[in-house]
Amino acid sequence: MDVKKDVVLSSNKPSNLTIENRANLSVTGVVEVIRFNEDEINLNTTMGKLTIKGKDLKMNKLDVENGDVIISGTIDSCIYSSSKREKESIIERLFR
């Protein structure tokens, strides 16, 4: 039986991105990996949701305890989005 562990990092911990030559990406402050494939990786960070798009993306390191992720591949974009909208229910979004 698989048991999912909730990982909660302090919201005071910073989230940093370091991109080297559009080929290597280091991210700190990662709370969870939402999903990933060769073209897109979605992460929850202490600064909100982070979407990384590219080609041949691979997660070389995932340190859940410290919230560190290292990704390699061709990095095309990194986009932060607010996590507030995700917390709203569908009903709240419909009646704005």
PDB file of N, CA and C in Angstrom:
ATOM      1  N   MET A   1       0.841  -1.178   0.000  1.00  0.00           N
ATOM      2  CA  MET A   1       0.000   0.000   0.000  1.00  0.00           C
ATOM      3  C   MET A   1       0.884   1.239   0.000  1.00  0.00           C
ATOM      4  N   ASP A   2       0.604   2.167  -0.902  1.00  0.00           N
ATOM      5  CA  ASP A   2       1.366   3.410  -0.979  1.00  0.00           C
ATOM      6  C   ASP A   2       0.774   4.427  -0.024  1.00  0.00           C
ATOM      7  N   VAL A   3       1.645   5.087   0.697  1.00  0.00           N
ATOM      8  CA  VAL A   3       1.225   6.131   1.624  1.00  0.00           C
ATOM      9  C   VAL A   3       1.859   7.430   1.177  1.00  0.00           C
ATOM     10  N   LYS A   4       1.018   8.445   0.963  1.00  0.00           N
ATOM     11  CA  LYS A   4       1.525   9.745   0.545  1.00  0.00           C
ATOM     12  C   LYS A   4       1.864  10.556   1.784  1.00  0.00           C
ATOM     13  N   LYS A   5       3.084  11.043   1.843  1.00  0.00           N
ATOM     14  CA  LYS A   5       3.502  11.879   2.958  1.00  0.00           C
ATOM     15  C   LYS A   5       3.350  13.335   2.565  1.00  0.00           C
ATOM     16  N   ASP A   6       2.771  14.122   3.453  1.00  0.00           N
ATOM     17  CA  ASP A   6       2.666  15.556   3.210  1.00  0.00           C
ATOM     18  C   ASP A   6       3.962  16.212   3.646  1.00  0.00           C
ATOM     19  N   VAL A   7       4.534  16.994   2.745  1.00  0.00           N
ATOM     20  CA  VAL A   7       5.766  17.706   3.041  1.00  0.00           C
ATOM     21  C   VAL A   7       5.420  19.175   3.170  1.00  0.00           C
ATOM     22  N   VAL A   8       5.686  19.748   4.319  1.00  0.00           N
ATOM     23  CA  VAL A   8       5.391  21.155   4.544  1.00  0.00           C
ATOM     24  C   VAL A   8       6.689  21.865   4.884  1.00  0.00           C
ATOM     25  N   LEU A   9       7.053  22.825   4.057  1.00  0.00           N
ATOM     26  CA  LEU A   9       8.226  23.643   4.322  1.00  0.00           C
ATOM     27  C   LEU A   9       7.781  24.969   4.901  1.00  0.00           C
ATOM     28  N   SER A  10       8.637  25.595   5.626  1.00  0.00           N
ATOM     29  CA  SER A  10       8.345  26.906   6.178  1.00  0.00           C
ATOM     30  C   SER A  10       8.138  27.897   5.042  1.00  0.00           C
ATOM     31  N   SER A  11       7.085  28.707   5.136  1.00  0.00           N
ATOM     32  CA  SER A  11       6.843  29.701   4.094  1.00  0.00           C
ATOM     33  C   SER A  11       7.891  30.805   4.134  1.00  0.00           C
ATOM     34  N   ASN A  12       8.703  30.838   5.193  1.00  0.00           N
ATOM     35  CA  ASN A  12       9.777  31.819   5.282  1.00  0.00           C
ATOM     36  C   ASN A  12      10.989  31.410   4.459  1.00  0.00           C
ATOM     37  N   LYS A  13      11.048  30.146   4.056  1.00  0.00           N
ATOM     38  CA  LYS A  13      12.184  29.672   3.280  1.00  0.00           C
ATOM     39  C   LYS A  13      12.102  30.252   1.866  1.00  0.00           C
ATOM     40  N   PRO A  14      13.185  30.822   1.375  1.00  0.00           N
ATOM     41  CA  PRO A  14      13.148  31.425   0.042  1.00  0.00           C
ATOM     42  C   PRO A  14      13.081  30.377  -1.062  1.00  0.00           C
ATOM     43  N   SER A  15      12.589  30.819  -2.196  1.00  0.00           N
ATOM     44  CA  SER A  15      12.573  29.986  -3.394  1.00  0.00           C
ATOM     45  C   SER A  15      13.459  30.670  -4.421  1.00  0.00           C
ATOM     46  N   ASN A  16      14.486  29.972  -4.876  1.00  0.00           N
ATOM     47  CA  ASN A  16      15.429  30.542  -5.840  1.00  0.00           C
ATOM     48  C   ASN A  16      15.514  29.686  -7.086  1.00  0.00           C
ATOM     49  N   LEU A  17      15.756  30.357  -8.211  1.00  0.00           N
ATOM     50  CA  LEU A  17      15.984  29.689  -9.494  1.00  0.00           C
ATOM     51  C   LEU A  17      17.368  30.054  -9.986  1.00  0.00           C
ATOM     52  N   THR A  18      18.094  29.058 -10.474  1.00  0.00           N
ATOM     53  CA  THR A  18      19.377  29.314 -11.111  1.00  0.00           C
ATOM     54  C   THR A  18      19.391  28.534 -12.414  1.00  0.00           C
ATOM     55  N   ILE A  19      19.501  29.255 -13.538  1.00  0.00           N
ATOM     56  CA  ILE A  19      19.545  28.612 -14.851  1.00  0.00           C
ATOM     57  C   ILE A  19      20.937  28.794 -15.429  1.00  0.00           C
ATOM     58  N   GLU A  20      21.526  27.696 -15.885  1.00  0.00           N
ATOM     59  CA  GLU A  20      22.846  27.737 -16.503  1.00  0.00           C
ATOM     60  C   GLU A  20      22.732  27.319 -17.964  1.00  0.00           C
ATOM     61  N   ASN A  21      23.021  28.250 -18.867  1.00  0.00           N
ATOM     62  CA  ASN A  21      23.051  27.979 -20.311  1.00  0.00           C
ATOM     63  C   ASN A  21      21.768  27.346 -20.850  1.00  0.00           C
ATOM     64  N   ARG A  22      20.645  27.647 -20.241  1.00  0.00           N
ATOM     65  CA  ARG A  22      19.345  27.090 -20.633  1.00  0.00           C
ATOM     66  C   ARG A  22      19.335  25.568 -20.640  1.00  0.00           C
ATOM     67  N   ALA A  23      20.312  24.952 -19.960  1.00  0.00           N
ATOM     68  CA  ALA A  23      20.407  23.490 -19.959  1.00  0.00           C
ATOM     69  C   ALA A  23      20.249  22.883 -18.568  1.00  0.00           C
ATOM     70  N   ASN A  24      20.583  23.629 -17.534  1.00  0.00           N
ATOM     71  CA  ASN A  24      20.487  23.133 -16.160  1.00  0.00           C
ATOM     72  C   ASN A  24      19.733  24.142 -15.307  1.00  0.00           C
ATOM     73  N   LEU A  25      18.813  23.646 -14.506  1.00  0.00           N
ATOM     74  CA  LEU A  25      17.998  24.500 -13.646  1.00  0.00           C
ATOM     75  C   LEU A  25      18.037  23.953 -12.229  1.00  0.00           C
ATOM     76  N   SER A  26      18.348  24.825 -11.291  1.00  0.00           N
ATOM     77  CA  SER A  26      18.339  24.475  -9.871  1.00  0.00           C
ATOM     78  C   SER A  26      17.246  25.298  -9.198  1.00  0.00           C
ATOM     79  N   VAL A  27      16.364  24.637  -8.456  1.00  0.00           N
ATOM     80  CA  VAL A  27      15.257  25.309  -7.780  1.00  0.00           C
ATOM     81  C   VAL A  27      15.317  24.955  -6.296  1.00  0.00           C
ATOM     82  N   THR A  28      15.207  25.971  -5.436  1.00  0.00           N
ATOM     83  CA  THR A  28      15.114  25.738  -3.994  1.00  0.00           C
ATOM     84  C   THR A  28      13.747  26.208  -3.511  1.00  0.00           C
ATOM     85  N   GLY A  29      13.353  25.768  -2.338  1.00  0.00           N
ATOM     86  CA  GLY A  29      12.052  26.149  -1.793  1.00  0.00           C
ATOM     87  C   GLY A  29      10.908  25.346  -2.378  1.00  0.00           C
ATOM     88  N   VAL A  30      11.198  24.148  -2.874  1.00  0.00           N
ATOM     89  CA  VAL A  30      10.163  23.301  -3.473  1.00  0.00           C
ATOM     90  C   VAL A  30       9.408  22.570  -2.367  1.00  0.00           C
ATOM     91  N   VAL A  31       8.087  22.680  -2.398  1.00  0.00           N
ATOM     92  CA  VAL A  31       7.237  22.020  -1.418  1.00  0.00           C
ATOM     93  C   VAL A  31       6.804  20.650  -1.928  1.00  0.00           C
ATOM     94  N   GLU A  32       6.427  20.574  -3.223  1.00  0.00           N
ATOM     95  CA  GLU A  32       6.028  19.298  -3.807  1.00  0.00           C
ATOM     96  C   GLU A  32       6.162  19.341  -5.323  1.00  0.00           C
ATOM     97  N   VAL A  33       6.305  18.167  -5.904  1.00  0.00           N
ATOM     98  CA  VAL A  33       6.275  18.017  -7.354  1.00  0.00           C
ATOM     99  C   VAL A  33       4.843  17.652  -7.702  1.00  0.00           C
ATOM    100  N   ILE A  34       4.190  18.513  -8.476  1.00  0.00           N
ATOM    101  CA  ILE A  34       2.795  18.271  -8.840  1.00  0.00           C
ATOM    102  C   ILE A  34       2.730  17.228  -9.948  1.00  0.00           C
ATOM    103  N   ARG A  35       3.495  17.444 -11.015  1.00  0.00           N
ATOM    104  CA  ARG A  35       3.599  16.474 -12.112  1.00  0.00           C
ATOM    105  C   ARG A  35       4.789  16.836 -12.975  1.00  0.00           C
ATOM    106  N   PHE A  36       5.227  15.859 -13.752  1.00  0.00           N
ATOM    107  CA  PHE A  36       6.330  16.140 -14.667  1.00  0.00           C
ATOM    108  C   PHE A  36       6.333  15.155 -15.823  1.00  0.00           C
ATOM    109  N   ASN A  37       6.825  15.638 -16.961  1.00  0.00           N
ATOM    110  CA  ASN A  37       7.092  14.805 -18.125  1.00  0.00           C
ATOM    111  C   ASN A  37       8.241  15.455 -18.882  1.00  0.00           C
ATOM    112  N   GLU A  38       8.549  14.983 -20.072  1.00  0.00           N
ATOM    113  CA  GLU A  38       9.703  15.494 -20.821  1.00  0.00           C
ATOM    114  C   GLU A  38       9.553  16.940 -21.271  1.00  0.00           C
ATOM    115  N   ASP A  39       8.309  17.438 -21.339  1.00  0.00           N
ATOM    116  CA  ASP A  39       8.061  18.778 -21.868  1.00  0.00           C
ATOM    117  C   ASP A  39       7.652  19.806 -20.815  1.00  0.00           C
ATOM    118  N   GLU A  40       7.198  19.359 -19.648  1.00  0.00           N
ATOM    119  CA  GLU A  40       6.707  20.301 -18.640  1.00  0.00           C
ATOM    120  C   GLU A  40       6.839  19.709 -17.240  1.00  0.00           C
ATOM    121  N   ILE A  41       7.267  20.565 -16.306  1.00  0.00           N
ATOM    122  CA  ILE A  41       7.359  20.174 -14.899  1.00  0.00           C
ATOM    123  C   ILE A  41       6.619  21.220 -14.079  1.00  0.00           C
ATOM    124  N   ASN A  42       5.719  20.770 -13.202  1.00  0.00           N
ATOM    125  CA  ASN A  42       4.957  21.665 -12.331  1.00  0.00           C
ATOM    126  C   ASN A  42       5.355  21.406 -10.887  1.00  0.00           C
ATOM    127  N   LEU A  43       5.785  22.474 -10.216  1.00  0.00           N
ATOM    128  CA  LEU A  43       6.229  22.382  -8.831  1.00  0.00           C
ATOM    129  C   LEU A  43       5.442  23.348  -7.970  1.00  0.00           C
ATOM    130  N   ASN A  44       5.196  22.982  -6.729  1.00  0.00           N
ATOM    131  CA  ASN A  44       4.677  23.904  -5.733  1.00  0.00           C
ATOM    132  C   ASN A  44       5.875  24.393  -4.942  1.00  0.00           C
ATOM    133  N   THR A  45       6.077  25.703  -4.880  1.00  0.00           N
ATOM    134  CA  THR A  45       7.201  26.267  -4.139  1.00  0.00           C
ATOM    135  C   THR A  45       6.664  27.182  -3.044  1.00  0.00           C
ATOM    136  N   THR A  46       7.552  27.653  -2.210  1.00  0.00           N
ATOM    137  CA  THR A  46       7.147  28.583  -1.154  1.00  0.00           C
ATOM    138  C   THR A  46       6.698  29.923  -1.725  1.00  0.00           C
ATOM    139  N   MET A  47       6.960  30.164  -3.008  1.00  0.00           N
ATOM    140  CA  MET A  47       6.560  31.412  -3.661  1.00  0.00           C
ATOM    141  C   MET A  47       5.386  31.215  -4.620  1.00  0.00           C
ATOM    142  N   GLY A  48       4.770  30.041  -4.642  1.00  0.00           N
ATOM    143  CA  GLY A  48       3.655  29.760  -5.531  1.00  0.00           C
ATOM    144  C   GLY A  48       3.982  28.632  -6.490  1.00  0.00           C
ATOM    145  N   LYS A  49       3.063  28.388  -7.405  1.00  0.00           N
ATOM    146  CA  LYS A  49       3.236  27.320  -8.388  1.00  0.00           C
ATOM    147  C   LYS A  49       4.263  27.751  -9.433  1.00  0.00           C
ATOM    148  N   LEU A  50       5.168  26.842  -9.779  1.00  0.00           N
ATOM    149  CA  LEU A  50       6.195  27.100 -10.784  1.00  0.00           C
ATOM    150  C   LEU A  50       6.029  26.094 -11.909  1.00  0.00           C
ATOM    151  N   THR A  51       5.874  26.606 -13.140  1.00  0.00           N
ATOM    152  CA  THR A  51       5.770  25.760 -14.321  1.00  0.00           C
ATOM    153  C   THR A  51       7.019  25.945 -15.157  1.00  0.00           C
ATOM    154  N   ILE A  52       7.701  24.844 -15.450  1.00  0.00           N
ATOM    155  CA  ILE A  52       8.914  24.854 -16.265  1.00  0.00           C
ATOM    156  C   ILE A  52       8.590  24.123 -17.555  1.00  0.00           C
ATOM    157  N   LYS A  53       8.823  24.789 -18.686  1.00  0.00           N
ATOM    158  CA  LYS A  53       8.571  24.173 -19.987  1.00  0.00           C
ATOM    159  C   LYS A  53       9.876  24.052 -20.748  1.00  0.00           C
ATOM    160  N   GLY A  54       9.979  23.001 -21.545  1.00  0.00           N
ATOM    161  CA  GLY A  54      11.182  22.784 -22.331  1.00  0.00           C
ATOM    162  C   GLY A  54      11.112  21.471 -23.084  1.00  0.00           C
ATOM    163  N   LYS A  55      12.287  20.951 -23.408  1.00  0.00           N
ATOM    164  CA  LYS A  55      12.386  19.692 -24.153  1.00  0.00           C
ATOM    165  C   LYS A  55      13.361  18.769 -23.433  1.00  0.00           C
ATOM    166  N   ASP A  56      13.064  17.490 -23.456  1.00  0.00           N
ATOM    167  CA  ASP A  56      13.922  16.469 -22.832  1.00  0.00           C
ATOM    168  C   ASP A  56      14.232  16.793 -21.371  1.00  0.00           C
ATOM    169  N   LEU A  57      13.242  17.268 -20.630  1.00  0.00           N
ATOM    170  CA  LEU A  57      13.445  17.634 -19.227  1.00  0.00           C
ATOM    171  C   LEU A  57      13.574  16.379 -18.365  1.00  0.00           C
ATOM    172  N   LYS A  58      14.559  16.396 -17.486  1.00  0.00           N
ATOM    173  CA  LYS A  58      14.798  15.282 -16.567  1.00  0.00           C
ATOM    174  C   LYS A  58      15.063  15.852 -15.181  1.00  0.00           C
ATOM    175  N   MET A  59      14.510  15.196 -14.164  1.00  0.00           N
ATOM    176  CA  MET A  59      14.801  15.580 -12.787  1.00  0.00           C
ATOM    177  C   MET A  59      16.006  14.777 -12.329  1.00  0.00           C
ATOM    178  N   ASN A  60      17.145  15.452 -12.210  1.00  0.00           N
ATOM    179  CA  ASN A  60      18.375  14.773 -11.807  1.00  0.00           C
ATOM    180  C   ASN A  60      18.487  14.616 -10.306  1.00  0.00           C
ATOM    181  N   LYS A  61      17.873  15.541  -9.563  1.00  0.00           N
ATOM    182  CA  LYS A  61      17.940  15.478  -8.098  1.00  0.00           C
ATOM    183  C   LYS A  61      16.625  15.984  -7.527  1.00  0.00           C
ATOM    184  N   LEU A  62      16.121  15.265  -6.551  1.00  0.00           N
ATOM    185  CA  LEU A  62      14.938  15.694  -5.821  1.00  0.00           C
ATOM    186  C   LEU A  62      15.207  15.445  -4.345  1.00  0.00           C
ATOM    187  N   ASP A  63      15.424  16.521  -3.604  1.00  0.00           N
ATOM    188  CA  ASP A  63      15.672  16.439  -2.165  1.00  0.00           C
ATOM    189  C   ASP A  63      14.452  17.017  -1.458  1.00  0.00           C
ATOM    190  N   VAL A  64      13.542  16.142  -1.071  1.00  0.00           N
ATOM    191  CA  VAL A  64      12.275  16.569  -0.484  1.00  0.00           C
ATOM    192  C   VAL A  64      12.481  17.237   0.874  1.00  0.00           C
ATOM    193  N   GLU A  65      13.415  16.731   1.657  1.00  0.00           N
ATOM    194  CA  GLU A  65      13.653  17.303   2.985  1.00  0.00           C
ATOM    195  C   GLU A  65      14.083  18.755   2.929  1.00  0.00           C
ATOM    196  N   ASN A  66      14.983  19.083   2.009  1.00  0.00           N
ATOM    197  CA  ASN A  66      15.495  20.450   1.895  1.00  0.00           C
ATOM    198  C   ASN A  66      14.763  21.274   0.851  1.00  0.00           C
ATOM    199  N   GLY A  67      13.918  20.646   0.029  1.00  0.00           N
ATOM    200  CA  GLY A  67      13.164  21.370  -0.985  1.00  0.00           C
ATOM    201  C   GLY A  67      13.989  21.774  -2.183  1.00  0.00           C
ATOM    202  N   ASP A  68      14.967  20.940  -2.574  1.00  0.00           N
ATOM    203  CA  ASP A  68      15.839  21.243  -3.715  1.00  0.00           C
ATOM    204  C   ASP A  68      15.538  20.316  -4.888  1.00  0.00           C
ATOM    205  N   VAL A  69      15.512  20.896  -6.091  1.00  0.00           N
ATOM    206  CA  VAL A  69      15.317  20.126  -7.316  1.00  0.00           C
ATOM    207  C   VAL A  69      16.340  20.597  -8.337  1.00  0.00           C
ATOM    208  N   ILE A  70      16.947  19.648  -9.051  1.00  0.00           N
ATOM    209  CA  ILE A  70      17.849  19.979 -10.157  1.00  0.00           C
ATOM    210  C   ILE A  70      17.288  19.327 -11.411  1.00  0.00           C
ATOM    211  N   ILE A  71      17.127  20.138 -12.457  1.00  0.00           N
ATOM    212  CA  ILE A  71      16.523  19.702 -13.713  1.00  0.00           C
ATOM    213  C   ILE A  71      17.505  19.951 -14.844  1.00  0.00           C
ATOM    214  N   SER A  72      17.582  18.999 -15.778  1.00  0.00           N
ATOM    215  CA  SER A  72      18.401  19.200 -16.973  1.00  0.00           C
ATOM    216  C   SER A  72      17.521  19.031 -18.205  1.00  0.00           C
ATOM    217  N   GLY A  73      17.977  19.562 -19.321  1.00  0.00           N
ATOM    218  CA  GLY A  73      17.242  19.540 -20.579  1.00  0.00           C
ATOM    219  C   GLY A  73      17.303  20.923 -21.195  1.00  0.00           C
ATOM    220  N   THR A  74      16.504  21.156 -22.208  1.00  0.00           N
ATOM    221  CA  THR A  74      16.432  22.479 -22.828  1.00  0.00           C
ATOM    222  C   THR A  74      15.319  23.264 -22.137  1.00  0.00           C
ATOM    223  N   ILE A  75      15.702  24.304 -21.392  1.00  0.00           N
ATOM    224  CA  ILE A  75      14.738  25.111 -20.635  1.00  0.00           C
ATOM    225  C   ILE A  75      14.211  26.222 -21.544  1.00  0.00           C
ATOM    226  N   ASP A  76      12.898  26.217 -21.799  1.00  0.00           N
ATOM    227  CA  ASP A  76      12.282  27.253 -22.634  1.00  0.00           C
ATOM    228  C   ASP A  76      11.643  28.359 -21.799  1.00  0.00           C
ATOM    229  N   SER A  77      11.013  27.999 -20.674  1.00  0.00           N
ATOM    230  CA  SER A  77      10.384  29.026 -19.841  1.00  0.00           C
ATOM    231  C   SER A  77      10.195  28.535 -18.412  1.00  0.00           C
ATOM    232  N   CYS A  78      10.166  29.509 -17.498  1.00  0.00           N
ATOM    233  CA  CYS A  78       9.866  29.272 -16.081  1.00  0.00           C
ATOM    234  C   CYS A  78       8.840  30.322 -15.682  1.00  0.00           C
ATOM    235  N   ILE A  79       7.667  29.889 -15.248  1.00  0.00           N
ATOM    236  CA  ILE A  79       6.584  30.818 -14.938  1.00  0.00           C
ATOM    237  C   ILE A  79       6.046  30.541 -13.539  1.00  0.00           C
ATOM    238  N   TYR A  80       6.061  31.575 -12.693  1.00  0.00           N
ATOM    239  CA  TYR A  80       5.431  31.492 -11.378  1.00  0.00           C
ATOM    240  C   TYR A  80       3.984  31.944 -11.517  1.00  0.00           C
ATOM    241  N   SER A  81       3.082  31.261 -10.822  1.00  0.00           N
ATOM    242  CA  SER A  81       1.698  31.714 -10.758  1.00  0.00           C
ATOM    243  C   SER A  81       1.236  31.619  -9.312  1.00  0.00           C
ATOM    244  N   SER A  82       0.311  32.470  -8.963  1.00  0.00           N
ATOM    245  CA  SER A  82      -0.182  32.521  -7.591  1.00  0.00           C
ATOM    246  C   SER A  82      -0.927  31.241  -7.267  1.00  0.00           C
ATOM    247  N   SER A  83      -0.725  30.738  -6.081  1.00  0.00           N
ATOM    248  CA  SER A  83      -1.421  29.523  -5.667  1.00  0.00           C
ATOM    249  C   SER A  83      -2.794  29.836  -5.081  1.00  0.00           C
ATOM    250  N   LYS A  84      -3.117  31.124  -4.890  1.00  0.00           N
ATOM    251  CA  LYS A  84      -4.407  31.517  -4.315  1.00  0.00           C
ATOM    252  C   LYS A  84      -5.561  31.034  -5.181  1.00  0.00           C
ATOM    253  N   ARG A  85      -5.438  31.179  -6.481  1.00  0.00           N
ATOM    254  CA  ARG A  85      -6.501  30.793  -7.390  1.00  0.00           C
ATOM    255  C   ARG A  85      -6.783  29.293  -7.314  1.00  0.00           C
ATOM    256  N   GLU A  86      -5.761  28.490  -7.132  1.00  0.00           N
ATOM    257  CA  GLU A  86      -5.953  27.051  -7.047  1.00  0.00           C
ATOM    258  C   GLU A  86      -6.725  26.661  -5.793  1.00  0.00           C
ATOM    259  N   LYS A  87      -6.621  27.463  -4.737  1.00  0.00           N
ATOM    260  CA  LYS A  87      -7.299  27.155  -3.484  1.00  0.00           C
ATOM    261  C   LYS A  87      -8.785  27.495  -3.543  1.00  0.00           C
ATOM    262  N   GLU A  88      -9.179  28.357  -4.479  1.00  0.00           N
ATOM    263  CA  GLU A  88     -10.582  28.720  -4.609  1.00  0.00           C
ATOM    264  C   GLU A  88     -11.350  27.547  -5.205  1.00  0.00           C
ATOM    265  N   SER A  89     -12.578  27.380  -4.765  1.00  0.00           N
ATOM    266  CA  SER A  89     -13.397  26.319  -5.333  1.00  0.00           C
ATOM    267  C   SER A  89     -13.934  26.757  -6.696  1.00  0.00           C
ATOM    268  N   ILE A  90     -14.438  25.806  -7.425  1.00  0.00           N
ATOM    269  CA  ILE A  90     -15.016  26.100  -8.744  1.00  0.00           C
ATOM    270  C   ILE A  90     -16.190  27.057  -8.589  1.00  0.00           C
ATOM    271  N   ILE A  91     -16.992  26.872  -7.559  1.00  0.00           N
ATOM    272  CA  ILE A  91     -18.146  27.746  -7.318  1.00  0.00           C
ATOM    273  C   ILE A  91     -17.688  29.184  -7.091  1.00  0.00           C
ATOM    274  N   GLU A  92     -16.643  29.383  -6.295  1.00  0.00           N
ATOM    275  CA  GLU A  92     -16.133  30.735  -6.042  1.00  0.00           C
ATOM    276  C   GLU A  92     -15.656  31.384  -7.330  1.00  0.00           C
ATOM    277  N   ARG A  93     -15.038  30.603  -8.210  1.00  0.00           N
ATOM    278  CA  ARG A  93     -14.554  31.156  -9.479  1.00  0.00           C
ATOM    279  C   ARG A  93     -15.707  31.511 -10.408  1.00  0.00           C
ATOM    280  N   LEU A  94     -16.786  30.733 -10.372  1.00  0.00           N
ATOM    281  CA  LEU A  94     -17.927  30.994 -11.247  1.00  0.00           C
ATOM    282  C   LEU A  94     -18.673  32.269 -10.867  1.00  0.00           C
ATOM    283  N   PHE A  95     -18.734  32.577  -9.568  1.00  0.00           N
ATOM    284  CA  PHE A  95     -19.530  33.704  -9.101  1.00  0.00           C
ATOM    285  C   PHE A  95     -18.714  34.925  -8.737  1.00  0.00           C
ATOM    286  N   ARG A  96     -17.618  35.151  -9.415  1.00  0.00           N
ATOM    287  CA  ARG A  96     -16.826  36.369  -9.185  1.00  0.00           C
ATOM    288  C   ARG A  96     -17.469  37.537  -9.852  1.00  0.00           C
TER     289      ARG A  96
END
